[in-house]
């Protein structure tokens, strides 16, 4: 992705994120602390879930890559016995 496009999407995402939390705080009124705590907990859970999924995907891809690297090439002669 080219940098100007990335910058545009990043800025738009930041504005939406910031406006969303300001609106959430306004609507929550006096219970802002409870909402902020719940949102923080939910965001933390989402980050942990993404990290676990990314780790699993990384391990599976690494195992497949290693299996492909050690597999014999079709049509090649077998390794000589020693």
C-alpha atoms as a PDB file:
ATOM      1  CA  UNK A   1       0.000   0.000   0.000  1.00  0.00           C
ATOM      2  CA  UNK A   2       1.366   3.388  -0.931  1.00  0.00           C
ATOM      3  CA  UNK A   3       2.079   5.737   1.955  1.00  0.00           C
ATOM      4  CA  UNK A   4      -0.439   8.490   1.045  1.00  0.00           C
ATOM      5  CA  UNK A   5      -3.243   5.942   0.949  1.00  0.00           C
ATOM      6  CA  UNK A   6      -2.077   4.376   4.223  1.00  0.00           C
ATOM      7  CA  UNK A   7      -1.904   7.829   5.815  1.00  0.00           C
ATOM      8  CA  UNK A   8      -5.453   8.616   4.691  1.00  0.00           C
ATOM      9  CA  UNK A   9      -6.869   5.365   6.101  1.00  0.00           C
ATOM     10  CA  UNK A  10      -4.829   5.676   9.297  1.00  0.00           C
ATOM     11  CA  UNK A  11      -6.050   9.239   9.892  1.00  0.00           C
ATOM     12  CA  UNK A  12      -9.652   8.262   9.149  1.00  0.00           C
ATOM     13  CA  UNK A  13      -9.414   5.308  11.521  1.00  0.00           C
ATOM     14  CA  UNK A  14      -7.942   7.500  14.247  1.00  0.00           C
ATOM     15  CA  UNK A  15     -10.728  10.032  13.869  1.00  0.00           C
ATOM     16  CA  UNK A  16     -13.414   7.351  14.008  1.00  0.00           C
ATOM     17  CA  UNK A  17     -11.762   5.702  17.029  1.00  0.00           C
ATOM     18  CA  UNK A  18     -11.402   8.990  18.895  1.00  0.00           C
ATOM     19  CA  UNK A  19     -14.897  10.212  18.065  1.00  0.00           C
ATOM     20  CA  UNK A  20     -16.334   6.841  19.061  1.00  0.00           C
ATOM     21  CA  UNK A  21     -14.762   6.917  22.505  1.00  0.00           C
ATOM     22  CA  UNK A  22     -15.733  10.559  23.048  1.00  0.00           C
ATOM     23  CA  UNK A  23     -19.311   9.722  22.066  1.00  0.00           C
ATOM     24  CA  UNK A  24     -19.240   6.639  24.274  1.00  0.00           C
ATOM     25  CA  UNK A  25     -18.073   8.787  27.202  1.00  0.00           C
ATOM     26  CA  UNK A  26     -20.739  11.402  26.539  1.00  0.00           C
ATOM     27  CA  UNK A  27     -23.508   8.816  26.361  1.00  0.00           C
ATOM     28  CA  UNK A  28     -22.254   6.960  29.425  1.00  0.00           C
ATOM     29  CA  UNK A  29     -22.381  10.113  31.532  1.00  0.00           C
ATOM     30  CA  UNK A  30     -21.423   9.416  35.124  1.00  0.00           C
ATOM     31  CA  UNK A  31     -20.732   5.758  34.477  1.00  0.00           C
ATOM     32  CA  UNK A  32     -17.765   6.558  32.177  1.00  0.00           C
ATOM     33  CA  UNK A  33     -15.296   4.729  34.454  1.00  0.00           C
ATOM     34  CA  UNK A  34     -17.313   1.500  34.242  1.00  0.00           C
ATOM     35  CA  UNK A  35     -17.601   1.798  30.453  1.00  0.00           C
ATOM     36  CA  UNK A  36     -13.884   2.586  30.062  1.00  0.00           C
ATOM     37  CA  UNK A  37     -12.984  -0.412  32.222  1.00  0.00           C
ATOM     38  CA  UNK A  38     -15.257  -2.735  30.216  1.00  0.00           C
ATOM     39  CA  UNK A  39     -13.966  -1.374  26.889  1.00  0.00           C
ATOM     40  CA  UNK A  40     -10.376  -1.772  28.054  1.00  0.00           C
ATOM     41  CA  UNK A  41     -11.047  -5.357  29.096  1.00  0.00           C
ATOM     42  CA  UNK A  42     -12.738  -6.153  25.785  1.00  0.00           C
ATOM     43  CA  UNK A  43      -9.920  -4.584  23.759  1.00  0.00           C
ATOM     44  CA  UNK A  44      -7.354  -6.529  25.763  1.00  0.00           C
ATOM     45  CA  UNK A  45      -9.246  -9.773  25.122  1.00  0.00           C
ATOM     46  CA  UNK A  46      -9.409  -8.996  21.396  1.00  0.00           C
ATOM     47  CA  UNK A  47      -5.669  -8.265  21.225  1.00  0.00           C
ATOM     48  CA  UNK A  48      -4.856 -11.510  23.048  1.00  0.00           C
ATOM     49  CA  UNK A  49      -7.154 -13.480  20.723  1.00  0.00           C
ATOM     50  CA  UNK A  50      -5.535 -11.968  17.632  1.00  0.00           C
ATOM     51  CA  UNK A  51      -2.061 -12.720  19.022  1.00  0.00           C
ATOM     52  CA  UNK A  52      -2.955 -16.366  19.720  1.00  0.00           C
ATOM     53  CA  UNK A  53      -4.472 -16.800  16.250  1.00  0.00           C
ATOM     54  CA  UNK A  54      -1.430 -15.169  14.638  1.00  0.00           C
ATOM     55  CA  UNK A  55       0.899 -17.500  16.575  1.00  0.00           C
ATOM     56  CA  UNK A  56      -1.070 -20.579  15.493  1.00  0.00           C
ATOM     57  CA  UNK A  57      -1.087 -19.469  11.851  1.00  0.00           C
ATOM     58  CA  UNK A  58       2.665 -18.772  12.017  1.00  0.00           C
ATOM     59  CA  UNK A  59       3.394 -22.244  13.461  1.00  0.00           C
ATOM     60  CA  UNK A  60       1.217 -24.024  10.889  1.00  0.00           C
ATOM     61  CA  UNK A  61       2.823 -22.138   7.999  1.00  0.00           C
ATOM     62  CA  UNK A  62       6.302 -22.832   9.382  1.00  0.00           C
ATOM     63  CA  UNK A  63       5.545 -26.555   9.698  1.00  0.00           C
ATOM     64  CA  UNK A  64       4.218 -26.683   6.133  1.00  0.00           C
ATOM     65  CA  UNK A  65       7.257 -24.827   4.823  1.00  0.00           C
ATOM     66  CA  UNK A  66       9.621 -27.240   6.619  1.00  0.00           C
ATOM     67  CA  UNK A  67       7.667 -30.249   5.330  1.00  0.00           C
ATOM     68  CA  UNK A  68       7.854 -28.928   1.760  1.00  0.00           C
ATOM     69  CA  UNK A  69      11.590 -28.278   2.096  1.00  0.00           C
ATOM     70  CA  UNK A  70      12.297 -31.825   3.296  1.00  0.00           C
ATOM     71  CA  UNK A  71      10.015 -33.570   0.771  1.00  0.00           C
ATOM     72  CA  UNK A  72      11.774 -35.212  -2.187  1.00  0.00           C
ATOM     73  CA  UNK A  73      11.407 -33.513  -5.561  1.00  0.00           C
ATOM     74  CA  UNK A  74       9.231 -35.594  -7.922  1.00  0.00           C
ATOM     75  CA  UNK A  75      11.262 -37.197 -10.710  1.00  0.00           C
ATOM     76  CA  UNK A  76      14.591 -36.969  -8.910  1.00  0.00           C
ATOM     77  CA  UNK A  77      16.782 -39.943  -8.099  1.00  0.00           C
ATOM     78  CA  UNK A  78      16.576 -41.317  -4.557  1.00  0.00           C
ATOM     79  CA  UNK A  79      19.435 -40.503  -2.201  1.00  0.00           C
ATOM     80  CA  UNK A  80      22.259 -43.107  -2.300  1.00  0.00           C
ATOM     81  CA  UNK A  81      22.482 -45.511   0.615  1.00  0.00           C
ATOM     82  CA  UNK A  82      25.615 -45.302   2.755  1.00  0.00           C
END
